[in-house]
Amino acid sequence: MRTPVISLQNVSLTLKGNAGNVNIIKNISLNIDQAESVGLIGPSGSGKSSLLMLAGGLERASSGEIEILGQVITEMSEDRLSKLRRNNVGVVFQSFHLIPTLTALENVATPLEISFSKNPNKHAIMALDRVGLSHRADHYPSQLSGGEQQRVALARAYVSNPKILLADEPTGNLDEENTKAIVDLLFEIKNENDTTLFLVTHSRELAKKCDRIIKIRDGKLL
């Protein structure tokens, strides 16, 4: 039997709010396999992004057990968890999260530099070329359109060849034309690299491109 790339068992997330504790994720169990694409849909405030962050080790669970690539991360030290994420998990956000003072090339090269990879700029320019933006390598985020910024963010997420890609509303801030371009790139690169894709979206059309759709409401999977 294959070991899931991502495994959540009876996972809950409770955060402190002004009016007391808020139960964001409620006893969720979920397995995602190697190279599988999973689309997570649900209404605003249902816990979609929180579940995605838990699955990638970007948020600590209040209870339950989470495994990434066969390693239990629930009690893992922040240093070990950071290294696991750095080497294996790429993330694309709705609002791009590019560093405004760095060029496109520097933004893409940053994760490689953090992991002390050889020739970070060489690999970064190859990643930018893959998303059709090598000619914009010296431009800053403010000089790029929204679609171009998201392509830079996608190049940055994939430049380290992660085994897992998390995408949180990757087309939420884009028009129809740029949405199609980003979606096509996302799945092309995912298929080229046999990457496991866990995708949060409000778009049922985007979710339908995934191997499997799961729905969340009020912190519970339906």
N, C-alpha and C. Protein backbone atom coordinates (compact mmCIF):
# COMPACT_ATOMS: atom_id res chain seq x y z
N MET A 1 0.84 -1.20 0.00
CA MET A 1 0.00 0.00 0.00
C MET A 1 0.88 1.25 0.00
N ARG A 2 0.55 2.23 -0.85
CA ARG A 2 1.34 3.44 -0.95
C ARG A 2 1.15 4.33 0.28
N THR A 3 2.22 4.98 0.69
CA THR A 3 2.13 5.97 1.76
C THR A 3 1.68 7.29 1.16
N PRO A 4 0.63 7.92 1.69
CA PRO A 4 0.19 9.20 1.15
C PRO A 4 1.29 10.25 1.27
N VAL A 5 1.32 11.18 0.32
CA VAL A 5 2.27 12.29 0.38
C VAL A 5 1.88 13.26 1.51
N ILE A 6 0.57 13.45 1.65
CA ILE A 6 0.01 14.27 2.74
C ILE A 6 -1.03 13.44 3.45
N SER A 7 -0.94 13.39 4.77
CA SER A 7 -1.92 12.64 5.56
C SER A 7 -2.32 13.45 6.80
N LEU A 8 -3.61 13.68 6.94
CA LEU A 8 -4.15 14.32 8.13
C LEU A 8 -5.08 13.32 8.81
N GLN A 9 -4.88 13.10 10.10
CA GLN A 9 -5.71 12.17 10.85
C GLN A 9 -6.30 12.88 12.08
N ASN A 10 -7.62 13.05 12.04
CA ASN A 10 -8.36 13.66 13.16
C ASN A 10 -7.77 15.01 13.56
N VAL A 11 -7.54 15.84 12.56
CA VAL A 11 -6.87 17.13 12.78
C VAL A 11 -7.89 18.23 13.07
N SER A 12 -7.60 19.01 14.10
CA SER A 12 -8.41 20.18 14.44
C SER A 12 -7.52 21.39 14.62
N LEU A 13 -8.09 22.56 14.38
CA LEU A 13 -7.39 23.83 14.59
C LEU A 13 -8.32 24.77 15.33
N THR A 14 -7.88 25.20 16.49
CA THR A 14 -8.64 26.15 17.30
C THR A 14 -7.78 27.38 17.54
N LEU A 15 -8.33 28.54 17.23
CA LEU A 15 -7.61 29.80 17.41
C LEU A 15 -8.35 30.67 18.42
N LYS A 16 -7.59 31.48 19.13
CA LYS A 16 -8.19 32.39 20.11
C LYS A 16 -8.69 33.65 19.42
N GLY A 17 -9.95 33.97 19.67
CA GLY A 17 -10.54 35.20 19.13
C GLY A 17 -10.95 36.13 20.25
N ASN A 18 -11.44 37.30 19.88
CA ASN A 18 -11.85 38.28 20.89
C ASN A 18 -12.98 37.76 21.77
N ALA A 19 -13.82 36.91 21.19
CA ALA A 19 -14.97 36.39 21.94
C ALA A 19 -14.70 34.98 22.49
N GLY A 20 -13.44 34.55 22.47
CA GLY A 20 -13.10 33.22 22.95
C GLY A 20 -12.51 32.37 21.85
N ASN A 21 -12.39 31.07 22.10
CA ASN A 21 -11.81 30.16 21.11
C ASN A 21 -12.73 29.97 19.91
N VAL A 22 -12.10 29.89 18.73
CA VAL A 22 -12.84 29.66 17.49
C VAL A 22 -12.33 28.37 16.87
N ASN A 23 -13.25 27.44 16.63
CA ASN A 23 -12.89 26.15 16.02
C ASN A 23 -12.90 26.30 14.49
N ILE A 24 -11.70 26.38 13.92
CA ILE A 24 -11.56 26.62 12.48
C ILE A 24 -11.67 25.32 11.69
N ILE A 25 -10.92 24.30 12.11
CA ILE A 25 -10.93 22.98 11.49
C ILE A 25 -11.35 21.97 12.54
N LYS A 26 -12.29 21.09 12.18
CA LYS A 26 -12.93 20.22 13.16
C LYS A 26 -12.75 18.74 12.80
N ASN A 27 -11.74 18.12 13.38
CA ASN A 27 -11.56 16.68 13.31
C ASN A 27 -11.56 16.13 11.87
N ILE A 28 -10.69 16.68 11.05
CA ILE A 28 -10.63 16.29 9.64
C ILE A 28 -9.57 15.22 9.41
N SER A 29 -9.91 14.21 8.63
CA SER A 29 -8.96 13.20 8.16
C SER A 29 -8.94 13.23 6.64
N LEU A 30 -7.74 13.22 6.06
CA LEU A 30 -7.61 13.36 4.61
C LEU A 30 -6.26 12.80 4.18
N ASN A 31 -6.25 12.01 3.10
CA ASN A 31 -5.01 11.51 2.50
C ASN A 31 -4.93 11.99 1.06
N ILE A 32 -3.73 12.43 0.65
CA ILE A 32 -3.49 12.85 -0.73
C ILE A 32 -2.27 12.09 -1.25
N ASP A 33 -2.40 11.45 -2.41
CA ASP A 33 -1.36 10.56 -2.93
C ASP A 33 -0.36 11.29 -3.83
N GLN A 34 0.73 10.62 -4.11
CA GLN A 34 1.77 11.12 -5.01
C GLN A 34 1.18 11.47 -6.37
N ALA A 35 1.49 12.69 -6.85
CA ALA A 35 1.11 13.19 -8.17
C ALA A 35 -0.39 13.43 -8.31
N GLU A 36 -1.15 13.28 -7.24
CA GLU A 36 -2.59 13.54 -7.30
C GLU A 36 -2.84 15.05 -7.24
N SER A 37 -3.89 15.49 -7.93
CA SER A 37 -4.34 16.87 -7.81
C SER A 37 -5.70 16.88 -7.12
N VAL A 38 -5.80 17.68 -6.07
CA VAL A 38 -7.01 17.74 -5.26
C VAL A 38 -7.48 19.19 -5.19
N GLY A 39 -8.73 19.42 -5.56
CA GLY A 39 -9.32 20.74 -5.47
C GLY A 39 -10.20 20.85 -4.24
N LEU A 40 -9.97 21.85 -3.42
CA LEU A 40 -10.74 22.07 -2.19
C LEU A 40 -11.64 23.28 -2.40
N ILE A 41 -12.94 23.08 -2.29
CA ILE A 41 -13.89 24.16 -2.48
C ILE A 41 -14.78 24.30 -1.25
N GLY A 42 -15.39 25.46 -1.13
CA GLY A 42 -16.28 25.74 -0.01
C GLY A 42 -16.51 27.24 0.10
N PRO A 43 -17.52 27.65 0.86
CA PRO A 43 -17.81 29.08 0.99
C PRO A 43 -16.72 29.83 1.75
N SER A 44 -16.72 31.13 1.65
CA SER A 44 -15.77 31.96 2.39
C SER A 44 -15.93 31.70 3.88
N GLY A 45 -14.80 31.60 4.58
CA GLY A 45 -14.85 31.37 6.02
C GLY A 45 -15.08 29.93 6.43
N SER A 46 -15.03 29.01 5.45
CA SER A 46 -15.30 27.60 5.76
C SER A 46 -14.08 26.86 6.27
N GLY A 47 -12.89 27.47 6.14
CA GLY A 47 -11.66 26.82 6.62
C GLY A 47 -10.76 26.31 5.51
N LYS A 48 -11.03 26.71 4.26
CA LYS A 48 -10.25 26.20 3.13
C LYS A 48 -8.76 26.51 3.27
N SER A 49 -8.45 27.79 3.42
CA SER A 49 -7.04 28.19 3.49
C SER A 49 -6.36 27.62 4.71
N SER A 50 -7.08 27.55 5.82
CA SER A 50 -6.50 26.99 7.05
C SER A 50 -6.14 25.53 6.87
N LEU A 51 -7.01 24.77 6.20
CA LEU A 51 -6.73 23.35 5.95
C LEU A 51 -5.52 23.21 5.03
N LEU A 52 -5.43 24.07 4.03
CA LEU A 52 -4.28 24.03 3.12
C LEU A 52 -2.98 24.31 3.88
N MET A 53 -3.01 25.32 4.75
CA MET A 53 -1.81 25.67 5.51
C MET A 53 -1.42 24.54 6.48
N LEU A 54 -2.38 23.89 7.08
CA LEU A 54 -2.10 22.73 7.94
C LEU A 54 -1.43 21.62 7.14
N ALA A 55 -1.96 21.36 5.95
CA ALA A 55 -1.46 20.26 5.11
C ALA A 55 -0.02 20.50 4.67
N GLY A 56 0.38 21.77 4.60
CA GLY A 56 1.74 22.08 4.18
C GLY A 56 2.69 22.41 5.31
N GLY A 57 2.22 22.24 6.55
CA GLY A 57 3.08 22.53 7.69
C GLY A 57 3.29 24.01 7.92
N LEU A 58 2.42 24.85 7.37
CA LEU A 58 2.52 26.29 7.54
C LEU A 58 1.67 26.78 8.71
N GLU A 59 0.88 25.90 9.27
CA GLU A 59 0.07 26.18 10.46
C GLU A 59 0.15 24.97 11.36
N ARG A 60 0.22 25.19 12.67
CA ARG A 60 0.29 24.10 13.64
C ARG A 60 -1.12 23.64 14.02
N ALA A 61 -1.34 22.34 13.98
CA ALA A 61 -2.63 21.78 14.39
C ALA A 61 -2.79 21.86 15.91
N SER A 62 -4.01 22.05 16.36
CA SER A 62 -4.30 22.04 17.80
C SER A 62 -4.37 20.61 18.32
N SER A 63 -4.82 19.69 17.45
CA SER A 63 -4.85 18.27 17.82
C SER A 63 -4.85 17.44 16.55
N GLY A 64 -4.60 16.13 16.71
CA GLY A 64 -4.52 15.24 15.56
C GLY A 64 -3.09 15.08 15.08
N GLU A 65 -2.91 14.35 13.99
CA GLU A 65 -1.58 14.05 13.47
C GLU A 65 -1.51 14.37 11.98
N ILE A 66 -0.42 15.00 11.58
CA ILE A 66 -0.19 15.34 10.17
C ILE A 66 1.14 14.74 9.73
N GLU A 67 1.14 14.09 8.57
CA GLU A 67 2.37 13.58 7.98
C GLU A 67 2.58 14.21 6.62
N ILE A 68 3.82 14.59 6.33
CA ILE A 68 4.22 15.04 5.00
C ILE A 68 5.35 14.13 4.55
N LEU A 69 5.14 13.46 3.42
CA LEU A 69 6.15 12.55 2.87
C LEU A 69 6.60 11.52 3.91
N GLY A 70 5.63 11.00 4.67
CA GLY A 70 5.90 9.95 5.64
C GLY A 70 6.49 10.43 6.95
N GLN A 71 6.69 11.73 7.11
CA GLN A 71 7.26 12.26 8.34
C GLN A 71 6.17 12.97 9.16
N VAL A 72 6.05 12.58 10.41
CA VAL A 72 5.07 13.21 11.30
C VAL A 72 5.58 14.59 11.66
N ILE A 73 4.80 15.63 11.32
CA ILE A 73 5.25 17.00 11.55
C ILE A 73 4.61 17.64 12.77
N THR A 74 3.65 16.95 13.38
CA THR A 74 2.85 17.56 14.43
C THR A 74 3.69 18.07 15.59
N GLU A 75 4.70 17.28 16.00
CA GLU A 75 5.57 17.68 17.11
C GLU A 75 6.98 18.03 16.64
N MET A 76 7.15 18.20 15.34
CA MET A 76 8.46 18.48 14.78
C MET A 76 8.92 19.89 15.17
N SER A 77 10.22 20.03 15.43
CA SER A 77 10.75 21.36 15.77
C SER A 77 10.60 22.29 14.57
N GLU A 78 10.57 23.59 14.84
CA GLU A 78 10.38 24.56 13.77
C GLU A 78 11.53 24.50 12.77
N ASP A 79 12.75 24.24 13.24
CA ASP A 79 13.89 24.15 12.34
C ASP A 79 13.75 22.97 11.37
N ARG A 80 13.40 21.80 11.91
CA ARG A 80 13.23 20.61 11.06
C ARG A 80 12.05 20.79 10.10
N LEU A 81 10.98 21.37 10.61
CA LEU A 81 9.80 21.59 9.78
C LEU A 81 10.10 22.58 8.66
N SER A 82 10.84 23.62 8.98
CA SER A 82 11.21 24.62 7.98
C SER A 82 12.05 23.97 6.87
N LYS A 83 12.98 23.11 7.25
CA LYS A 83 13.82 22.43 6.27
C LYS A 83 12.99 21.49 5.39
N LEU A 84 12.05 20.76 6.00
CA LEU A 84 11.18 19.87 5.25
C LEU A 84 10.36 20.65 4.23
N ARG A 85 9.79 21.77 4.67
CA ARG A 85 9.01 22.60 3.76
C ARG A 85 9.88 23.17 2.65
N ARG A 86 11.05 23.67 3.02
CA ARG A 86 11.93 24.33 2.06
C ARG A 86 12.32 23.40 0.92
N ASN A 87 12.54 22.14 1.24
CA ASN A 87 13.01 21.18 0.24
C ASN A 87 11.89 20.49 -0.52
N ASN A 88 10.65 20.58 0.00
CA ASN A 88 9.60 19.73 -0.58
C ASN A 88 8.27 20.40 -0.88
N VAL A 89 8.06 21.61 -0.39
CA VAL A 89 6.75 22.25 -0.52
C VAL A 89 6.88 23.62 -1.18
N GLY A 90 6.13 23.81 -2.29
CA GLY A 90 6.04 25.12 -2.92
C GLY A 90 4.65 25.68 -2.69
N VAL A 91 4.55 27.01 -2.61
CA VAL A 91 3.26 27.64 -2.31
C VAL A 91 3.00 28.80 -3.27
N VAL A 92 1.78 28.87 -3.79
CA VAL A 92 1.33 30.00 -4.60
C VAL A 92 0.12 30.61 -3.91
N PHE A 93 0.19 31.92 -3.66
CA PHE A 93 -0.89 32.62 -2.96
C PHE A 93 -1.71 33.47 -3.93
N GLN A 94 -2.91 33.82 -3.50
CA GLN A 94 -3.78 34.68 -4.30
C GLN A 94 -3.14 36.04 -4.56
N SER A 95 -2.49 36.60 -3.54
CA SER A 95 -1.96 37.96 -3.64
C SER A 95 -0.47 37.98 -3.97
N PHE A 96 0.03 36.90 -4.58
CA PHE A 96 1.37 36.80 -5.16
C PHE A 96 2.50 36.71 -4.12
N HIS A 97 2.50 37.61 -3.12
CA HIS A 97 3.51 37.59 -2.05
C HIS A 97 4.93 37.69 -2.59
N LEU A 98 5.12 38.49 -3.63
CA LEU A 98 6.47 38.75 -4.12
C LEU A 98 7.11 39.83 -3.25
N ILE A 99 8.44 39.80 -3.15
CA ILE A 99 9.16 40.81 -2.38
C ILE A 99 9.33 42.04 -3.28
N PRO A 100 8.74 43.17 -2.91
CA PRO A 100 8.68 44.32 -3.83
C PRO A 100 10.03 44.92 -4.16
N THR A 101 11.02 44.75 -3.29
CA THR A 101 12.34 45.36 -3.52
C THR A 101 13.27 44.44 -4.32
N LEU A 102 12.79 43.27 -4.72
CA LEU A 102 13.59 42.34 -5.51
C LEU A 102 13.03 42.23 -6.92
N THR A 103 13.91 42.03 -7.90
CA THR A 103 13.46 41.80 -9.27
C THR A 103 12.78 40.43 -9.38
N ALA A 104 12.17 40.20 -10.54
CA ALA A 104 11.55 38.89 -10.79
C ALA A 104 12.57 37.78 -10.62
N LEU A 105 13.76 37.97 -11.19
CA LEU A 105 14.82 36.96 -11.08
C LEU A 105 15.21 36.73 -9.62
N GLU A 106 15.37 37.80 -8.87
CA GLU A 106 15.77 37.68 -7.47
C GLU A 106 14.68 37.02 -6.64
N ASN A 107 13.41 37.33 -6.93
CA ASN A 107 12.32 36.68 -6.22
C ASN A 107 12.33 35.17 -6.44
N VAL A 108 12.54 34.76 -7.68
CA VAL A 108 12.53 33.33 -8.00
C VAL A 108 13.75 32.63 -7.41
N ALA A 109 14.88 33.34 -7.39
CA ALA A 109 16.12 32.74 -6.89
C ALA A 109 16.16 32.63 -5.37
N THR A 110 15.32 33.39 -4.68
CA THR A 110 15.37 33.45 -3.21
C THR A 110 15.29 32.09 -2.53
N PRO A 111 14.32 31.22 -2.85
CA PRO A 111 14.28 29.92 -2.17
C PRO A 111 15.52 29.07 -2.43
N LEU A 112 16.14 29.23 -3.59
CA LEU A 112 17.36 28.49 -3.90
C LEU A 112 18.53 29.01 -3.07
N GLU A 113 18.57 30.31 -2.88
CA GLU A 113 19.64 30.90 -2.07
C GLU A 113 19.50 30.49 -0.61
N ILE A 114 18.26 30.44 -0.13
CA ILE A 114 18.01 30.05 1.26
C ILE A 114 18.47 28.61 1.51
N SER A 115 18.30 27.75 0.50
CA SER A 115 18.69 26.34 0.64
C SER A 115 20.12 26.09 0.16
N PHE A 116 20.86 27.18 -0.12
CA PHE A 116 22.27 27.10 -0.54
C PHE A 116 22.46 26.24 -1.79
N SER A 117 21.50 26.34 -2.71
CA SER A 117 21.62 25.60 -3.98
C SER A 117 22.68 26.25 -4.87
N LYS A 118 23.27 25.43 -5.74
CA LYS A 118 24.27 25.94 -6.66
C LYS A 118 23.60 26.66 -7.83
N ASN A 119 24.22 27.71 -8.31
CA ASN A 119 23.76 28.47 -9.48
C ASN A 119 22.30 28.89 -9.39
N PRO A 120 21.91 29.58 -8.31
CA PRO A 120 20.50 29.95 -8.15
C PRO A 120 19.97 30.81 -9.29
N ASN A 121 20.77 31.75 -9.78
CA ASN A 121 20.28 32.62 -10.85
C ASN A 121 20.06 31.85 -12.15
N LYS A 122 20.93 30.88 -12.42
CA LYS A 122 20.77 30.06 -13.62
C LYS A 122 19.44 29.30 -13.58
N HIS A 123 19.15 28.68 -12.45
CA HIS A 123 17.89 27.93 -12.32
C HIS A 123 16.68 28.86 -12.29
N ALA A 124 16.88 30.04 -11.71
CA ALA A 124 15.77 31.00 -11.66
C ALA A 124 15.40 31.50 -13.05
N ILE A 125 16.40 31.78 -13.88
CA ILE A 125 16.10 32.25 -15.23
C ILE A 125 15.46 31.15 -16.06
N MET A 126 15.83 29.89 -15.80
CA MET A 126 15.19 28.77 -16.50
C MET A 126 13.73 28.65 -16.08
N ALA A 127 13.46 28.86 -14.79
CA ALA A 127 12.08 28.80 -14.29
C ALA A 127 11.25 29.95 -14.87
N LEU A 128 11.85 31.13 -14.96
CA LEU A 128 11.14 32.26 -15.57
C LEU A 128 10.88 32.01 -17.05
N ASP A 129 11.83 31.39 -17.71
CA ASP A 129 11.64 31.06 -19.12
C ASP A 129 10.49 30.09 -19.30
N ARG A 130 10.36 29.13 -18.36
CA ARG A 130 9.28 28.14 -18.44
C ARG A 130 7.91 28.80 -18.35
N VAL A 131 7.81 29.90 -17.63
CA VAL A 131 6.51 30.59 -17.52
C VAL A 131 6.43 31.79 -18.48
N GLY A 132 7.41 31.87 -19.40
CA GLY A 132 7.37 32.89 -20.45
C GLY A 132 7.76 34.28 -20.01
N LEU A 133 8.60 34.39 -18.99
CA LEU A 133 8.93 35.72 -18.46
C LEU A 133 10.42 35.98 -18.32
N SER A 134 11.26 35.23 -19.02
CA SER A 134 12.70 35.47 -18.90
C SER A 134 13.06 36.89 -19.36
N HIS A 135 12.26 37.45 -20.28
CA HIS A 135 12.53 38.81 -20.77
C HIS A 135 12.15 39.88 -19.75
N ARG A 136 11.50 39.48 -18.66
CA ARG A 136 11.10 40.43 -17.61
C ARG A 136 11.89 40.19 -16.33
N ALA A 137 12.99 39.48 -16.44
CA ALA A 137 13.74 39.06 -15.25
C ALA A 137 14.22 40.22 -14.40
N ASP A 138 14.56 41.35 -15.03
CA ASP A 138 15.10 42.49 -14.29
C ASP A 138 14.03 43.48 -13.83
N HIS A 139 12.77 43.14 -14.03
CA HIS A 139 11.68 44.02 -13.63
C HIS A 139 11.26 43.73 -12.18
N TYR A 140 10.82 44.79 -11.51
CA TYR A 140 10.31 44.66 -10.14
C TYR A 140 8.81 44.37 -10.19
N PRO A 141 8.25 43.79 -9.11
CA PRO A 141 6.83 43.46 -9.11
C PRO A 141 5.91 44.62 -9.51
N SER A 142 6.25 45.85 -9.08
CA SER A 142 5.43 47.01 -9.42
C SER A 142 5.42 47.31 -10.92
N GLN A 143 6.39 46.76 -11.64
CA GLN A 143 6.48 46.97 -13.08
C GLN A 143 5.82 45.84 -13.87
N LEU A 144 5.24 44.89 -13.17
CA LEU A 144 4.60 43.74 -13.80
C LEU A 144 3.09 43.78 -13.62
N SER A 145 2.37 43.22 -14.57
CA SER A 145 0.92 43.09 -14.43
C SER A 145 0.59 42.01 -13.41
N GLY A 146 -0.68 41.92 -13.02
CA GLY A 146 -1.09 40.89 -12.07
C GLY A 146 -0.81 39.49 -12.58
N GLY A 147 -1.10 39.27 -13.87
CA GLY A 147 -0.84 37.95 -14.46
C GLY A 147 0.64 37.62 -14.48
N GLU A 148 1.47 38.63 -14.77
CA GLU A 148 2.91 38.41 -14.78
C GLU A 148 3.43 38.14 -13.37
N GLN A 149 2.91 38.86 -12.39
CA GLN A 149 3.33 38.63 -11.00
C GLN A 149 2.99 37.20 -10.56
N GLN A 150 1.82 36.71 -10.96
CA GLN A 150 1.45 35.36 -10.56
C GLN A 150 2.30 34.32 -11.28
N ARG A 151 2.72 34.61 -12.49
CA ARG A 151 3.63 33.69 -13.19
C ARG A 151 5.00 33.67 -12.51
N VAL A 152 5.46 34.82 -12.05
CA VAL A 152 6.71 34.86 -11.28
C VAL A 152 6.54 34.04 -10.00
N ALA A 153 5.41 34.21 -9.33
CA ALA A 153 5.15 33.45 -8.10
C ALA A 153 5.11 31.95 -8.37
N LEU A 154 4.55 31.56 -9.52
CA LEU A 154 4.51 30.15 -9.89
C LEU A 154 5.92 29.63 -10.17
N ALA A 155 6.73 30.43 -10.86
CA ALA A 155 8.12 30.05 -11.12
C ALA A 155 8.88 29.88 -9.81
N ARG A 156 8.64 30.78 -8.87
CA ARG A 156 9.31 30.69 -7.56
C ARG A 156 8.88 29.43 -6.81
N ALA A 157 7.60 29.10 -6.90
CA ALA A 157 7.10 27.91 -6.19
C ALA A 157 7.68 26.62 -6.76
N TYR A 158 7.95 26.61 -8.07
CA TYR A 158 8.41 25.39 -8.73
C TYR A 158 9.91 25.29 -8.91
N VAL A 159 10.64 26.38 -8.66
CA VAL A 159 12.06 26.41 -9.01
C VAL A 159 12.88 25.35 -8.27
N SER A 160 12.43 24.94 -7.10
CA SER A 160 13.15 23.93 -6.31
C SER A 160 12.66 22.51 -6.60
N ASN A 161 11.79 22.36 -7.60
CA ASN A 161 11.20 21.06 -7.93
C ASN A 161 10.56 20.39 -6.71
N PRO A 162 9.64 21.09 -6.05
CA PRO A 162 9.02 20.51 -4.84
C PRO A 162 8.15 19.32 -5.18
N LYS A 163 8.03 18.42 -4.23
CA LYS A 163 7.16 17.26 -4.42
C LYS A 163 5.69 17.64 -4.23
N ILE A 164 5.46 18.73 -3.50
CA ILE A 164 4.10 19.17 -3.17
C ILE A 164 3.96 20.64 -3.55
N LEU A 165 2.85 20.97 -4.21
CA LEU A 165 2.52 22.37 -4.47
C LEU A 165 1.18 22.69 -3.83
N LEU A 166 1.17 23.73 -3.01
CA LEU A 166 -0.06 24.25 -2.43
C LEU A 166 -0.43 25.53 -3.18
N ALA A 167 -1.67 25.63 -3.60
CA ALA A 167 -2.11 26.82 -4.33
C ALA A 167 -3.38 27.36 -3.67
N ASP A 168 -3.29 28.56 -3.12
CA ASP A 168 -4.41 29.17 -2.39
C ASP A 168 -5.04 30.25 -3.25
N GLU A 169 -6.15 29.92 -3.90
CA GLU A 169 -6.85 30.84 -4.80
C GLU A 169 -5.87 31.47 -5.81
N PRO A 170 -5.13 30.67 -6.56
CA PRO A 170 -4.08 31.22 -7.42
C PRO A 170 -4.58 32.12 -8.54
N THR A 171 -5.88 32.06 -8.85
CA THR A 171 -6.42 32.91 -9.91
C THR A 171 -7.41 33.94 -9.36
N GLY A 172 -7.47 34.08 -8.05
CA GLY A 172 -8.48 34.93 -7.43
C GLY A 172 -8.39 36.40 -7.80
N ASN A 173 -7.18 36.89 -8.12
CA ASN A 173 -7.00 38.31 -8.45
C ASN A 173 -6.77 38.56 -9.93
N LEU A 174 -7.10 37.56 -10.77
CA LEU A 174 -6.78 37.67 -12.19
C LEU A 174 -8.03 37.74 -13.06
N ASP A 175 -7.88 38.39 -14.23
CA ASP A 175 -8.97 38.42 -15.18
C ASP A 175 -9.07 37.08 -15.90
N GLU A 176 -10.07 36.95 -16.78
CA GLU A 176 -10.35 35.66 -17.42
C GLU A 176 -9.18 35.16 -18.26
N GLU A 177 -8.56 36.07 -19.02
CA GLU A 177 -7.45 35.67 -19.89
C GLU A 177 -6.25 35.18 -19.08
N ASN A 178 -5.89 35.93 -18.04
CA ASN A 178 -4.76 35.54 -17.21
C ASN A 178 -5.07 34.30 -16.37
N THR A 179 -6.32 34.15 -15.97
CA THR A 179 -6.72 32.96 -15.23
C THR A 179 -6.46 31.71 -16.06
N LYS A 180 -6.87 31.73 -17.32
CA LYS A 180 -6.65 30.56 -18.19
C LYS A 180 -5.16 30.28 -18.35
N ALA A 181 -4.36 31.33 -18.54
CA ALA A 181 -2.92 31.14 -18.73
C ALA A 181 -2.28 30.52 -17.50
N ILE A 182 -2.65 31.00 -16.31
CA ILE A 182 -2.06 30.48 -15.07
C ILE A 182 -2.51 29.05 -14.83
N VAL A 183 -3.79 28.76 -15.06
CA VAL A 183 -4.29 27.40 -14.84
C VAL A 183 -3.59 26.42 -15.78
N ASP A 184 -3.45 26.80 -17.04
CA ASP A 184 -2.77 25.92 -18.00
C ASP A 184 -1.34 25.65 -17.56
N LEU A 185 -0.63 26.71 -17.15
CA LEU A 185 0.75 26.55 -16.69
C LEU A 185 0.84 25.68 -15.45
N LEU A 186 -0.07 25.93 -14.52
CA LEU A 186 -0.07 25.20 -13.25
C LEU A 186 -0.15 23.70 -13.48
N PHE A 187 -1.07 23.28 -14.34
CA PHE A 187 -1.26 21.84 -14.56
C PHE A 187 -0.20 21.27 -15.51
N GLU A 188 0.27 22.07 -16.45
CA GLU A 188 1.35 21.59 -17.32
C GLU A 188 2.60 21.26 -16.51
N ILE A 189 3.00 22.20 -15.66
CA ILE A 189 4.22 22.01 -14.86
C ILE A 189 4.01 20.92 -13.83
N LYS A 190 2.81 20.84 -13.25
CA LYS A 190 2.50 19.77 -12.30
C LYS A 190 2.64 18.41 -12.96
N ASN A 191 2.13 18.27 -14.19
CA ASN A 191 2.20 16.98 -14.88
C ASN A 191 3.62 16.65 -15.33
N GLU A 192 4.37 17.66 -15.73
CA GLU A 192 5.76 17.44 -16.15
C GLU A 192 6.61 16.89 -15.01
N ASN A 193 6.31 17.31 -13.78
CA ASN A 193 7.14 16.98 -12.63
C ASN A 193 6.51 15.97 -11.67
N ASP A 194 5.31 15.44 -12.02
CA ASP A 194 4.59 14.52 -11.15
C ASP A 194 4.42 15.10 -9.73
N THR A 195 4.14 16.38 -9.70
CA THR A 195 3.96 17.07 -8.42
C THR A 195 2.58 16.78 -7.85
N THR A 196 2.50 16.68 -6.54
CA THR A 196 1.21 16.59 -5.86
C THR A 196 0.67 18.00 -5.69
N LEU A 197 -0.55 18.23 -6.16
CA LEU A 197 -1.14 19.57 -6.14
C LEU A 197 -2.36 19.59 -5.22
N PHE A 198 -2.32 20.48 -4.23
CA PHE A 198 -3.47 20.70 -3.35
C PHE A 198 -3.90 22.15 -3.57
N LEU A 199 -5.11 22.31 -4.10
CA LEU A 199 -5.56 23.59 -4.63
C LEU A 199 -6.83 24.06 -3.94
N VAL A 200 -6.81 25.29 -3.44
CA VAL A 200 -8.00 25.93 -2.89
C VAL A 200 -8.56 26.89 -3.93
N THR A 201 -9.85 26.82 -4.18
CA THR A 201 -10.43 27.70 -5.18
C THR A 201 -11.92 27.90 -4.93
N HIS A 202 -12.42 29.07 -5.36
CA HIS A 202 -13.87 29.30 -5.38
C HIS A 202 -14.46 28.83 -6.71
N SER A 203 -13.59 28.57 -7.69
CA SER A 203 -14.04 28.24 -9.04
C SER A 203 -14.27 26.75 -9.20
N ARG A 204 -15.49 26.36 -9.47
CA ARG A 204 -15.79 24.95 -9.72
C ARG A 204 -15.14 24.49 -11.03
N GLU A 205 -15.03 25.39 -12.00
CA GLU A 205 -14.39 25.04 -13.27
C GLU A 205 -12.93 24.68 -13.06
N LEU A 206 -12.25 25.44 -12.21
CA LEU A 206 -10.86 25.13 -11.91
C LEU A 206 -10.77 23.83 -11.11
N ALA A 207 -11.64 23.66 -10.13
CA ALA A 207 -11.62 22.45 -9.31
C ALA A 207 -11.84 21.20 -10.15
N LYS A 208 -12.66 21.32 -11.20
CA LYS A 208 -12.97 20.16 -12.05
C LYS A 208 -11.76 19.66 -12.82
N LYS A 209 -10.73 20.48 -12.94
CA LYS A 209 -9.51 20.06 -13.63
C LYS A 209 -8.68 19.12 -12.76
N CYS A 210 -9.00 19.06 -11.47
CA CYS A 210 -8.25 18.21 -10.54
C CYS A 210 -8.75 16.77 -10.61
N ASP A 211 -7.93 15.85 -10.12
CA ASP A 211 -8.32 14.43 -10.08
C ASP A 211 -9.48 14.20 -9.13
N ARG A 212 -9.54 15.04 -8.08
CA ARG A 212 -10.54 14.83 -7.04
C ARG A 212 -10.96 16.18 -6.47
N ILE A 213 -12.24 16.33 -6.19
CA ILE A 213 -12.76 17.54 -5.54
C ILE A 213 -13.25 17.17 -4.15
N ILE A 214 -12.85 17.95 -3.14
CA ILE A 214 -13.39 17.78 -1.80
C ILE A 214 -14.02 19.11 -1.37
N LYS A 215 -15.04 19.00 -0.55
CA LYS A 215 -15.78 20.18 -0.12
C LYS A 215 -15.69 20.34 1.39
N ILE A 216 -15.58 21.59 1.82
CA ILE A 216 -15.50 21.89 3.24
C ILE A 216 -16.57 22.93 3.59
N ARG A 217 -17.17 22.76 4.74
CA ARG A 217 -18.13 23.73 5.24
C ARG A 217 -18.05 23.75 6.77
N ASP A 218 -17.95 24.94 7.32
CA ASP A 218 -17.87 25.10 8.78
C ASP A 218 -16.78 24.24 9.40
N GLY A 219 -15.63 24.13 8.70
CA GLY A 219 -14.50 23.42 9.25
C GLY A 219 -14.54 21.91 9.15
N LYS A 220 -15.56 21.38 8.44
CA LYS A 220 -15.70 19.93 8.29
C LYS A 220 -15.77 19.57 6.81
N LEU A 221 -15.16 18.42 6.45
CA LEU A 221 -15.28 17.93 5.09
C LEU A 221 -16.65 17.33 4.88
N LEU A 222 -17.24 17.62 3.72
CA LEU A 222 -18.57 17.08 3.42
C LEU A 222 -18.42 15.76 2.65
